Amino acid sequence: MKLFLSLDVSELKLDLKKLKVNLSKGKNFDFQWLPEEQRQIPLVSLGEVDEESFQRIEPSLHSVAKQTRAFKLKFEGMSAYPDTKEARLLWVGVQNSKEVRALYEKMVAALELHPEKEFKPYLPVVRLRNHREVSDILSPHKNTDFGKFTITRLVVYEMTLGGAFPLYKKRGEYPLNPE
């Protein structure tokens, strides 16, 4: 099973009405909104993990979560992956705060993973089936301030391929220290 450790933002409310209108105007756009109850900021990929290995790393997930205080993140602007000319994913920008970077580094060390060259948090909101030019759709949202949200827990999701779009299933939750 392919697992991802994420920051849970399922209770974050985003005003995306304009984006919805802009996407509905697009011709031949095959897209999928990521469900609000599964909103997440990907932190680290755990890769392909069998059930036994997952049971072995779960204590490390609990431990790092307990050692980490809840923290606020600012959400601002929108862009696309890999870029706005060949987009497959639309995302909201996430503040790359010292708290989120420290949590990322703690998890990489605790789970003995290889760190990414450059960690940059983002919040996926829309998946596109085919590569698309989205500059015009995203330009009204480039500098939008979506507010702040307090991160209170980590979530592990299992990703499976389900036709044109991947499916996510929650495998575990790890509350952060509330103090």
N, C-alpha and C. Protein backbone atom coordinates (compact mmCIF):
# COMPACT_ATOMS: atom_id res chain seq x y z
N MET A 1 0.84 -1.18 0.00
CA MET A 1 0.00 0.00 0.00
C MET A 1 0.89 1.24 0.00
N LYS A 2 0.46 2.27 -0.73
CA LYS A 2 1.23 3.50 -0.83
C LYS A 2 0.67 4.49 0.19
N LEU A 3 1.53 4.95 1.12
CA LEU A 3 1.08 5.79 2.22
C LEU A 3 1.73 7.18 2.18
N PHE A 4 0.96 8.16 2.67
CA PHE A 4 1.41 9.55 2.77
C PHE A 4 1.08 10.07 4.15
N LEU A 5 2.03 10.77 4.76
CA LEU A 5 1.77 11.46 6.02
C LEU A 5 1.46 12.91 5.70
N SER A 6 0.35 13.39 6.23
CA SER A 6 -0.13 14.73 5.89
C SER A 6 -0.55 15.51 7.13
N LEU A 7 -0.60 16.83 6.96
CA LEU A 7 -1.18 17.71 7.97
C LEU A 7 -2.68 17.77 7.69
N ASP A 8 -3.49 17.53 8.69
CA ASP A 8 -4.94 17.51 8.51
C ASP A 8 -5.50 18.93 8.49
N VAL A 9 -6.18 19.28 7.40
CA VAL A 9 -6.88 20.57 7.29
C VAL A 9 -8.31 20.35 6.81
N SER A 10 -8.89 19.21 7.20
CA SER A 10 -10.23 18.85 6.74
C SER A 10 -11.30 19.83 7.22
N GLU A 11 -11.02 20.57 8.27
CA GLU A 11 -12.01 21.53 8.79
C GLU A 11 -11.77 22.95 8.28
N LEU A 12 -10.76 23.14 7.44
CA LEU A 12 -10.46 24.44 6.85
C LEU A 12 -11.54 24.81 5.84
N LYS A 13 -12.09 26.00 5.99
CA LYS A 13 -13.10 26.50 5.06
C LYS A 13 -12.44 27.46 4.09
N LEU A 14 -12.54 27.16 2.80
CA LEU A 14 -11.96 27.99 1.75
C LEU A 14 -13.08 28.53 0.87
N ASP A 15 -12.98 29.80 0.51
CA ASP A 15 -13.95 30.39 -0.42
C ASP A 15 -13.41 30.20 -1.83
N LEU A 16 -13.91 29.19 -2.51
CA LEU A 16 -13.43 28.86 -3.86
C LEU A 16 -14.54 29.01 -4.90
N LYS A 17 -15.54 29.85 -4.60
CA LYS A 17 -16.67 30.04 -5.53
C LYS A 17 -16.20 30.52 -6.90
N LYS A 18 -15.31 31.51 -6.94
CA LYS A 18 -14.83 32.03 -8.22
C LYS A 18 -14.09 30.96 -9.01
N LEU A 19 -13.30 30.16 -8.32
CA LEU A 19 -12.57 29.09 -9.00
C LEU A 19 -13.56 28.08 -9.58
N LYS A 20 -14.60 27.75 -8.85
CA LYS A 20 -15.61 26.81 -9.35
C LYS A 20 -16.26 27.34 -10.62
N VAL A 21 -16.59 28.63 -10.63
CA VAL A 21 -17.20 29.24 -11.81
C VAL A 21 -16.22 29.20 -12.98
N ASN A 22 -14.97 29.58 -12.73
CA ASN A 22 -13.96 29.59 -13.80
C ASN A 22 -13.73 28.18 -14.37
N LEU A 23 -13.70 27.17 -13.51
CA LEU A 23 -13.50 25.80 -13.99
C LEU A 23 -14.69 25.32 -14.80
N SER A 24 -15.89 25.70 -14.39
CA SER A 24 -17.08 25.24 -15.11
C SER A 24 -17.17 25.87 -16.50
N LYS A 25 -16.53 27.04 -16.69
CA LYS A 25 -16.51 27.69 -18.01
C LYS A 25 -15.51 27.04 -18.95
N GLY A 26 -14.52 26.35 -18.40
CA GLY A 26 -13.48 25.74 -19.23
C GLY A 26 -14.04 24.64 -20.12
N LYS A 27 -13.64 24.64 -21.37
CA LYS A 27 -14.11 23.63 -22.32
C LYS A 27 -13.32 22.35 -22.15
N ASN A 28 -14.03 21.25 -22.14
CA ASN A 28 -13.42 19.93 -22.07
C ASN A 28 -12.51 19.75 -20.85
N PHE A 29 -12.87 20.36 -19.74
CA PHE A 29 -12.11 20.19 -18.52
C PHE A 29 -12.65 18.99 -17.77
N ASP A 30 -11.83 17.97 -17.60
CA ASP A 30 -12.21 16.82 -16.79
C ASP A 30 -11.43 16.98 -15.49
N PHE A 31 -12.14 17.30 -14.41
CA PHE A 31 -11.47 17.57 -13.15
C PHE A 31 -12.26 16.98 -12.00
N GLN A 32 -11.60 16.93 -10.84
CA GLN A 32 -12.23 16.41 -9.63
C GLN A 32 -11.80 17.27 -8.45
N TRP A 33 -12.78 17.75 -7.69
CA TRP A 33 -12.48 18.45 -6.44
C TRP A 33 -12.04 17.42 -5.42
N LEU A 34 -11.01 17.73 -4.65
CA LEU A 34 -10.62 16.84 -3.57
C LEU A 34 -11.65 17.03 -2.45
N PRO A 35 -12.18 15.95 -1.90
CA PRO A 35 -13.22 16.08 -0.87
C PRO A 35 -12.73 16.88 0.33
N GLU A 36 -13.59 17.78 0.84
CA GLU A 36 -13.20 18.61 1.98
C GLU A 36 -12.77 17.77 3.17
N GLU A 37 -13.45 16.65 3.41
CA GLU A 37 -13.12 15.81 4.57
C GLU A 37 -11.76 15.14 4.41
N GLN A 38 -11.18 15.21 3.22
CA GLN A 38 -9.84 14.65 2.99
C GLN A 38 -8.82 15.73 2.67
N ARG A 39 -9.14 16.99 2.98
CA ARG A 39 -8.16 18.05 2.73
C ARG A 39 -6.93 17.81 3.58
N GLN A 40 -5.78 17.89 2.91
CA GLN A 40 -4.52 17.58 3.58
C GLN A 40 -3.37 18.33 2.93
N ILE A 41 -2.38 18.62 3.73
CA ILE A 41 -1.13 19.18 3.22
C ILE A 41 -0.12 18.04 3.27
N PRO A 42 0.28 17.51 2.12
CA PRO A 42 1.25 16.39 2.13
C PRO A 42 2.54 16.80 2.84
N LEU A 43 2.97 15.97 3.77
CA LEU A 43 4.20 16.24 4.52
C LEU A 43 5.33 15.35 4.01
N VAL A 44 5.15 14.03 4.09
CA VAL A 44 6.15 13.09 3.58
C VAL A 44 5.47 11.87 2.97
N SER A 45 6.07 11.36 1.92
CA SER A 45 5.61 10.10 1.34
C SER A 45 6.31 8.97 2.09
N LEU A 46 5.52 8.04 2.55
CA LEU A 46 6.08 6.87 3.22
C LEU A 46 6.37 5.76 2.22
N GLY A 47 5.93 5.96 0.98
CA GLY A 47 6.18 5.01 -0.09
C GLY A 47 5.31 3.76 0.04
N GLU A 48 5.77 2.70 -0.61
CA GLU A 48 5.07 1.41 -0.53
C GLU A 48 5.40 0.77 0.82
N VAL A 49 4.37 0.53 1.61
CA VAL A 49 4.56 0.01 2.97
C VAL A 49 3.58 -1.15 3.18
N ASP A 50 4.08 -2.30 3.65
CA ASP A 50 3.16 -3.40 3.96
C ASP A 50 2.61 -3.18 5.38
N GLU A 51 1.61 -3.95 5.75
CA GLU A 51 0.92 -3.76 7.04
C GLU A 51 1.88 -3.92 8.22
N GLU A 52 2.77 -4.88 8.15
CA GLU A 52 3.73 -5.11 9.24
C GLU A 52 4.66 -3.91 9.42
N SER A 53 5.15 -3.37 8.33
CA SER A 53 6.03 -2.20 8.40
C SER A 53 5.28 -0.99 8.94
N PHE A 54 4.03 -0.84 8.53
CA PHE A 54 3.22 0.27 9.04
C PHE A 54 3.07 0.17 10.56
N GLN A 55 2.84 -1.02 11.07
CA GLN A 55 2.70 -1.22 12.52
C GLN A 55 4.01 -0.87 13.24
N ARG A 56 5.15 -1.10 12.58
CA ARG A 56 6.45 -0.77 13.19
C ARG A 56 6.70 0.73 13.24
N ILE A 57 6.24 1.48 12.23
CA ILE A 57 6.53 2.92 12.22
C ILE A 57 5.49 3.75 12.97
N GLU A 58 4.33 3.15 13.26
CA GLU A 58 3.28 3.90 13.94
C GLU A 58 3.71 4.50 15.28
N PRO A 59 4.48 3.81 16.12
CA PRO A 59 4.93 4.44 17.37
C PRO A 59 5.76 5.71 17.13
N SER A 60 6.55 5.73 16.06
CA SER A 60 7.33 6.93 15.73
C SER A 60 6.42 8.08 15.34
N LEU A 61 5.35 7.78 14.61
CA LEU A 61 4.39 8.81 14.23
C LEU A 61 3.73 9.41 15.47
N HIS A 62 3.30 8.54 16.39
CA HIS A 62 2.70 9.01 17.65
C HIS A 62 3.69 9.85 18.44
N SER A 63 4.93 9.39 18.55
CA SER A 63 5.94 10.05 19.34
C SER A 63 6.24 11.46 18.83
N VAL A 64 6.49 11.59 17.54
CA VAL A 64 6.79 12.90 16.97
C VAL A 64 5.58 13.83 17.10
N ALA A 65 4.38 13.30 16.88
CA ALA A 65 3.17 14.13 17.01
C ALA A 65 3.03 14.66 18.45
N LYS A 66 3.26 13.81 19.45
CA LYS A 66 3.15 14.24 20.85
C LYS A 66 4.19 15.29 21.22
N GLN A 67 5.35 15.24 20.57
CA GLN A 67 6.43 16.20 20.85
C GLN A 67 6.25 17.52 20.12
N THR A 68 5.27 17.58 19.23
CA THR A 68 5.07 18.77 18.39
C THR A 68 3.83 19.52 18.84
N ARG A 69 4.01 20.80 19.11
CA ARG A 69 2.87 21.63 19.49
C ARG A 69 2.03 21.98 18.27
N ALA A 70 0.72 22.11 18.49
CA ALA A 70 -0.17 22.59 17.43
C ALA A 70 0.34 23.97 16.98
N PHE A 71 0.16 24.29 15.70
CA PHE A 71 0.67 25.56 15.18
C PHE A 71 -0.25 26.07 14.08
N LYS A 72 -0.15 27.38 13.82
CA LYS A 72 -0.97 28.02 12.79
C LYS A 72 -0.19 28.15 11.50
N LEU A 73 -0.92 28.02 10.39
CA LEU A 73 -0.35 28.24 9.07
C LEU A 73 -1.23 29.22 8.31
N LYS A 74 -0.60 30.02 7.48
CA LYS A 74 -1.32 30.98 6.64
C LYS A 74 -1.48 30.36 5.25
N PHE A 75 -2.65 30.59 4.65
CA PHE A 75 -2.96 30.08 3.31
C PHE A 75 -3.15 31.26 2.38
N GLU A 76 -2.37 31.28 1.29
CA GLU A 76 -2.40 32.44 0.41
C GLU A 76 -2.02 32.06 -1.02
N GLY A 77 -2.80 32.56 -1.97
CA GLY A 77 -2.49 32.38 -3.38
C GLY A 77 -2.81 30.99 -3.90
N MET A 78 -2.77 30.86 -5.21
CA MET A 78 -3.00 29.57 -5.85
C MET A 78 -2.01 29.39 -7.00
N SER A 79 -1.70 28.13 -7.27
CA SER A 79 -0.86 27.80 -8.40
C SER A 79 -1.19 26.38 -8.84
N ALA A 80 -0.30 25.80 -9.64
CA ALA A 80 -0.57 24.48 -10.20
C ALA A 80 0.70 23.64 -10.24
N TYR A 81 0.51 22.33 -10.28
CA TYR A 81 1.61 21.39 -10.41
C TYR A 81 1.48 20.70 -11.75
N PRO A 82 2.54 20.53 -12.49
CA PRO A 82 3.90 20.99 -12.23
C PRO A 82 4.07 22.48 -12.52
N ASP A 83 3.20 23.06 -13.36
CA ASP A 83 3.21 24.50 -13.60
C ASP A 83 1.87 24.87 -14.22
N THR A 84 1.64 26.16 -14.43
CA THR A 84 0.35 26.61 -14.94
C THR A 84 0.14 26.31 -16.42
N LYS A 85 1.18 25.97 -17.15
CA LYS A 85 1.04 25.67 -18.58
C LYS A 85 0.69 24.19 -18.83
N GLU A 86 1.06 23.32 -17.91
CA GLU A 86 0.81 21.88 -18.05
C GLU A 86 0.25 21.32 -16.74
N ALA A 87 -0.77 21.94 -16.20
CA ALA A 87 -1.27 21.62 -14.86
C ALA A 87 -1.97 20.26 -14.79
N ARG A 88 -1.73 19.56 -13.70
CA ARG A 88 -2.45 18.33 -13.35
C ARG A 88 -3.12 18.47 -11.99
N LEU A 89 -2.69 19.49 -11.23
CA LEU A 89 -3.19 19.69 -9.88
C LEU A 89 -3.23 21.18 -9.59
N LEU A 90 -4.32 21.66 -9.02
CA LEU A 90 -4.42 23.05 -8.59
C LEU A 90 -4.31 23.05 -7.07
N TRP A 91 -3.51 23.99 -6.54
CA TRP A 91 -3.29 24.02 -5.10
C TRP A 91 -3.29 25.42 -4.54
N VAL A 92 -3.59 25.49 -3.24
CA VAL A 92 -3.53 26.74 -2.47
C VAL A 92 -2.15 26.77 -1.80
N GLY A 93 -1.53 27.95 -1.81
CA GLY A 93 -0.22 28.10 -1.19
C GLY A 93 -0.30 28.04 0.32
N VAL A 94 0.71 27.42 0.94
CA VAL A 94 0.77 27.25 2.39
C VAL A 94 2.07 27.86 2.89
N GLN A 95 1.96 28.62 3.97
CA GLN A 95 3.13 29.24 4.58
C GLN A 95 4.17 28.16 4.94
N ASN A 96 5.39 28.37 4.51
CA ASN A 96 6.48 27.44 4.82
C ASN A 96 7.15 27.90 6.12
N SER A 97 6.40 27.77 7.22
CA SER A 97 6.84 28.28 8.52
C SER A 97 7.93 27.41 9.14
N LYS A 98 8.59 27.95 10.16
CA LYS A 98 9.63 27.16 10.83
C LYS A 98 9.02 25.94 11.52
N GLU A 99 7.75 26.04 11.97
CA GLU A 99 7.10 24.91 12.63
C GLU A 99 6.85 23.76 11.67
N VAL A 100 6.37 24.06 10.47
CA VAL A 100 6.09 23.00 9.51
C VAL A 100 7.40 22.39 8.99
N ARG A 101 8.43 23.21 8.79
CA ARG A 101 9.72 22.67 8.35
C ARG A 101 10.34 21.78 9.44
N ALA A 102 10.23 22.20 10.71
CA ALA A 102 10.76 21.41 11.82
C ALA A 102 10.04 20.07 11.93
N LEU A 103 8.72 20.08 11.76
CA LEU A 103 7.95 18.84 11.81
C LEU A 103 8.36 17.92 10.66
N TYR A 104 8.51 18.48 9.49
CA TYR A 104 8.97 17.70 8.33
C TYR A 104 10.32 17.05 8.64
N GLU A 105 11.26 17.83 9.15
CA GLU A 105 12.60 17.30 9.44
C GLU A 105 12.57 16.23 10.53
N LYS A 106 11.73 16.43 11.56
CA LYS A 106 11.60 15.42 12.62
C LYS A 106 11.07 14.11 12.06
N MET A 107 10.07 14.19 11.18
CA MET A 107 9.48 12.98 10.61
C MET A 107 10.48 12.27 9.70
N VAL A 108 11.19 13.01 8.89
CA VAL A 108 12.19 12.40 8.00
C VAL A 108 13.23 11.66 8.83
N ALA A 109 13.68 12.29 9.92
CA ALA A 109 14.69 11.66 10.78
C ALA A 109 14.12 10.45 11.52
N ALA A 110 12.93 10.59 12.12
CA ALA A 110 12.34 9.50 12.90
C ALA A 110 12.03 8.28 12.05
N LEU A 111 11.63 8.51 10.81
CA LEU A 111 11.24 7.40 9.93
C LEU A 111 12.38 6.97 9.00
N GLU A 112 13.54 7.63 9.16
CA GLU A 112 14.74 7.32 8.38
C GLU A 112 14.45 7.36 6.87
N LEU A 113 13.84 8.47 6.46
CA LEU A 113 13.51 8.68 5.05
C LEU A 113 14.56 9.57 4.42
N HIS A 114 14.55 9.62 3.10
CA HIS A 114 15.43 10.52 2.38
C HIS A 114 14.68 11.83 2.17
N PRO A 115 15.24 12.95 2.66
CA PRO A 115 14.52 14.23 2.51
C PRO A 115 14.47 14.67 1.06
N GLU A 116 13.38 15.38 0.73
CA GLU A 116 13.26 15.96 -0.61
C GLU A 116 14.28 17.07 -0.75
N LYS A 117 14.65 17.39 -1.99
CA LYS A 117 15.61 18.47 -2.20
C LYS A 117 15.11 19.78 -1.62
N GLU A 118 13.85 20.07 -1.90
CA GLU A 118 13.27 21.30 -1.37
C GLU A 118 11.83 21.02 -0.96
N PHE A 119 11.58 21.00 0.35
CA PHE A 119 10.23 20.77 0.84
C PHE A 119 9.45 22.08 0.73
N LYS A 120 8.27 22.00 0.13
CA LYS A 120 7.41 23.17 0.01
C LYS A 120 5.97 22.72 0.25
N PRO A 121 5.35 23.18 1.34
CA PRO A 121 3.98 22.75 1.62
C PRO A 121 2.98 23.39 0.66
N TYR A 122 1.92 22.64 0.36
CA TYR A 122 0.84 23.11 -0.51
C TYR A 122 -0.43 22.36 -0.14
N LEU A 123 -1.56 22.91 -0.52
CA LEU A 123 -2.85 22.29 -0.24
C LEU A 123 -3.56 21.98 -1.56
N PRO A 124 -3.57 20.71 -1.99
CA PRO A 124 -4.25 20.36 -3.23
C PRO A 124 -5.76 20.57 -3.10
N VAL A 125 -6.38 21.13 -4.14
CA VAL A 125 -7.83 21.33 -4.11
C VAL A 125 -8.54 20.74 -5.33
N VAL A 126 -7.87 20.67 -6.48
CA VAL A 126 -8.48 20.15 -7.70
C VAL A 126 -7.47 19.31 -8.47
N ARG A 127 -7.90 18.13 -8.91
CA ARG A 127 -7.09 17.29 -9.79
C ARG A 127 -7.66 17.38 -11.20
N LEU A 128 -6.77 17.53 -12.17
CA LEU A 128 -7.16 17.56 -13.58
C LEU A 128 -6.79 16.23 -14.22
N ARG A 129 -7.67 15.72 -15.05
CA ARG A 129 -7.39 14.43 -15.68
C ARG A 129 -6.27 14.54 -16.71
N ASN A 130 -6.28 15.60 -17.48
CA ASN A 130 -5.27 15.80 -18.51
C ASN A 130 -4.52 17.09 -18.24
N HIS A 131 -3.30 17.17 -18.73
CA HIS A 131 -2.51 18.40 -18.58
C HIS A 131 -3.28 19.55 -19.21
N ARG A 132 -3.34 20.67 -18.51
CA ARG A 132 -4.09 21.82 -18.98
C ARG A 132 -3.36 23.13 -18.71
N GLU A 133 -3.59 24.10 -19.57
CA GLU A 133 -3.14 25.48 -19.36
C GLU A 133 -4.18 26.11 -18.42
N VAL A 134 -3.73 26.62 -17.27
CA VAL A 134 -4.68 27.14 -16.28
C VAL A 134 -4.34 28.57 -15.81
N SER A 135 -3.45 29.24 -16.50
CA SER A 135 -3.04 30.59 -16.09
C SER A 135 -4.23 31.52 -15.94
N ASP A 136 -5.14 31.53 -16.92
CA ASP A 136 -6.30 32.42 -16.87
C ASP A 136 -7.24 32.06 -15.72
N ILE A 137 -7.38 30.78 -15.45
CA ILE A 137 -8.27 30.34 -14.36
C ILE A 137 -7.71 30.73 -13.00
N LEU A 138 -6.39 30.65 -12.85
CA LEU A 138 -5.78 30.92 -11.54
C LEU A 138 -5.42 32.38 -11.30
N SER A 139 -5.30 33.18 -12.36
CA SER A 139 -4.84 34.57 -12.19
C SER A 139 -5.66 35.38 -11.19
N PRO A 140 -6.99 35.23 -11.11
CA PRO A 140 -7.73 36.01 -10.10
C PRO A 140 -7.41 35.59 -8.66
N HIS A 141 -6.79 34.43 -8.49
CA HIS A 141 -6.54 33.88 -7.15
C HIS A 141 -5.07 33.92 -6.75
N LYS A 142 -4.25 34.49 -7.61
CA LYS A 142 -2.80 34.45 -7.41
C LYS A 142 -2.37 35.02 -6.05
N ASN A 143 -3.03 36.08 -5.60
CA ASN A 143 -2.65 36.71 -4.33
C ASN A 143 -3.76 36.67 -3.29
N THR A 144 -4.73 35.78 -3.45
CA THR A 144 -5.85 35.70 -2.51
C THR A 144 -5.38 35.24 -1.14
N ASP A 145 -5.83 35.95 -0.10
CA ASP A 145 -5.54 35.57 1.27
C ASP A 145 -6.68 34.67 1.76
N PHE A 146 -6.38 33.40 2.02
CA PHE A 146 -7.39 32.45 2.47
C PHE A 146 -7.44 32.34 3.99
N GLY A 147 -6.62 33.12 4.69
CA GLY A 147 -6.66 33.13 6.15
C GLY A 147 -5.67 32.16 6.79
N LYS A 148 -5.87 31.95 8.09
CA LYS A 148 -5.00 31.08 8.88
C LYS A 148 -5.81 29.92 9.42
N PHE A 149 -5.09 28.84 9.75
CA PHE A 149 -5.72 27.64 10.28
C PHE A 149 -4.74 26.98 11.24
N THR A 150 -5.24 26.45 12.35
CA THR A 150 -4.39 25.77 13.32
C THR A 150 -4.31 24.28 13.00
N ILE A 151 -3.09 23.81 12.86
CA ILE A 151 -2.83 22.39 12.59
C ILE A 151 -2.80 21.66 13.92
N THR A 152 -3.71 20.70 14.10
CA THR A 152 -3.82 19.99 15.38
C THR A 152 -3.54 18.50 15.28
N ARG A 153 -3.43 17.97 14.05
CA ARG A 153 -3.17 16.54 13.93
C ARG A 153 -2.55 16.18 12.58
N LEU A 154 -1.86 15.06 12.61
CA LEU A 154 -1.30 14.45 11.42
C LEU A 154 -2.22 13.30 11.01
N VAL A 155 -2.24 13.00 9.72
CA VAL A 155 -3.07 11.91 9.22
C VAL A 155 -2.24 11.11 8.21
N VAL A 156 -2.36 9.80 8.26
CA VAL A 156 -1.76 8.95 7.24
C VAL A 156 -2.89 8.50 6.31
N TYR A 157 -2.66 8.72 5.01
CA TYR A 157 -3.60 8.29 3.99
C TYR A 157 -2.97 7.21 3.13
N GLU A 158 -3.81 6.26 2.73
CA GLU A 158 -3.42 5.25 1.76
C GLU A 158 -3.98 5.69 0.41
N MET A 159 -3.13 5.70 -0.61
CA MET A 159 -3.57 6.09 -1.94
C MET A 159 -3.67 4.86 -2.83
N THR A 160 -4.81 4.76 -3.52
CA THR A 160 -4.98 3.72 -4.52
C THR A 160 -5.46 4.38 -5.80
N LEU A 161 -5.12 3.77 -6.91
CA LEU A 161 -5.57 4.31 -8.19
C LEU A 161 -6.98 3.82 -8.45
N GLY A 162 -7.86 4.78 -8.76
CA GLY A 162 -9.26 4.45 -8.98
C GLY A 162 -9.74 5.07 -10.26
N GLY A 163 -9.33 4.54 -11.37
CA GLY A 163 -9.71 5.13 -12.65
C GLY A 163 -8.85 6.33 -12.97
N ALA A 164 -9.48 7.44 -13.35
CA ALA A 164 -8.74 8.63 -13.76
C ALA A 164 -8.11 9.37 -12.59
N PHE A 165 -8.66 9.20 -11.40
CA PHE A 165 -8.19 9.95 -10.24
C PHE A 165 -7.87 8.99 -9.09
N PRO A 166 -6.84 9.30 -8.29
CA PRO A 166 -6.52 8.43 -7.15
C PRO A 166 -7.57 8.55 -6.05
N LEU A 167 -7.68 7.50 -5.24
CA LEU A 167 -8.58 7.48 -4.10
C LEU A 167 -7.75 7.46 -2.83
N TYR A 168 -8.24 8.14 -1.78
CA TYR A 168 -7.53 8.21 -0.52
C TYR A 168 -8.38 7.63 0.60
N LYS A 169 -7.73 6.84 1.45
CA LYS A 169 -8.39 6.24 2.60
C LYS A 169 -7.55 6.55 3.84
N LYS A 170 -8.20 7.06 4.87
CA LYS A 170 -7.48 7.39 6.10
C LYS A 170 -7.05 6.11 6.81
N ARG A 171 -5.76 6.05 7.18
CA ARG A 171 -5.21 4.88 7.88
C ARG A 171 -4.91 5.14 9.34
N GLY A 172 -4.69 6.42 9.71
CA GLY A 172 -4.39 6.72 11.09
C GLY A 172 -4.36 8.22 11.34
N GLU A 173 -4.67 8.61 12.58
CA GLU A 173 -4.61 10.02 13.00
C GLU A 173 -3.70 10.13 14.22
N TYR A 174 -2.95 11.23 14.27
CA TYR A 174 -1.96 11.43 15.33
C TYR A 174 -2.07 12.86 15.83
N PRO A 175 -2.75 13.07 16.98
CA PRO A 175 -2.94 14.44 17.48
C PRO A 175 -1.61 15.08 17.91
N LEU A 176 -1.49 16.38 17.61
CA LEU A 176 -0.33 17.15 18.07
C LEU A 176 -0.58 17.58 19.51
N ASN A 177 0.50 17.97 20.17
CA ASN A 177 0.42 18.46 21.54
C ASN A 177 -0.36 19.77 21.54
N PRO A 178 -1.49 19.87 22.27
CA PRO A 178 -2.32 21.09 22.22
C PRO A 178 -1.72 22.30 22.96
N GLU A 179 -0.70 22.08 23.79
CA GLU A 179 -0.16 23.19 24.58
C GLU A 179 0.89 23.98 23.84
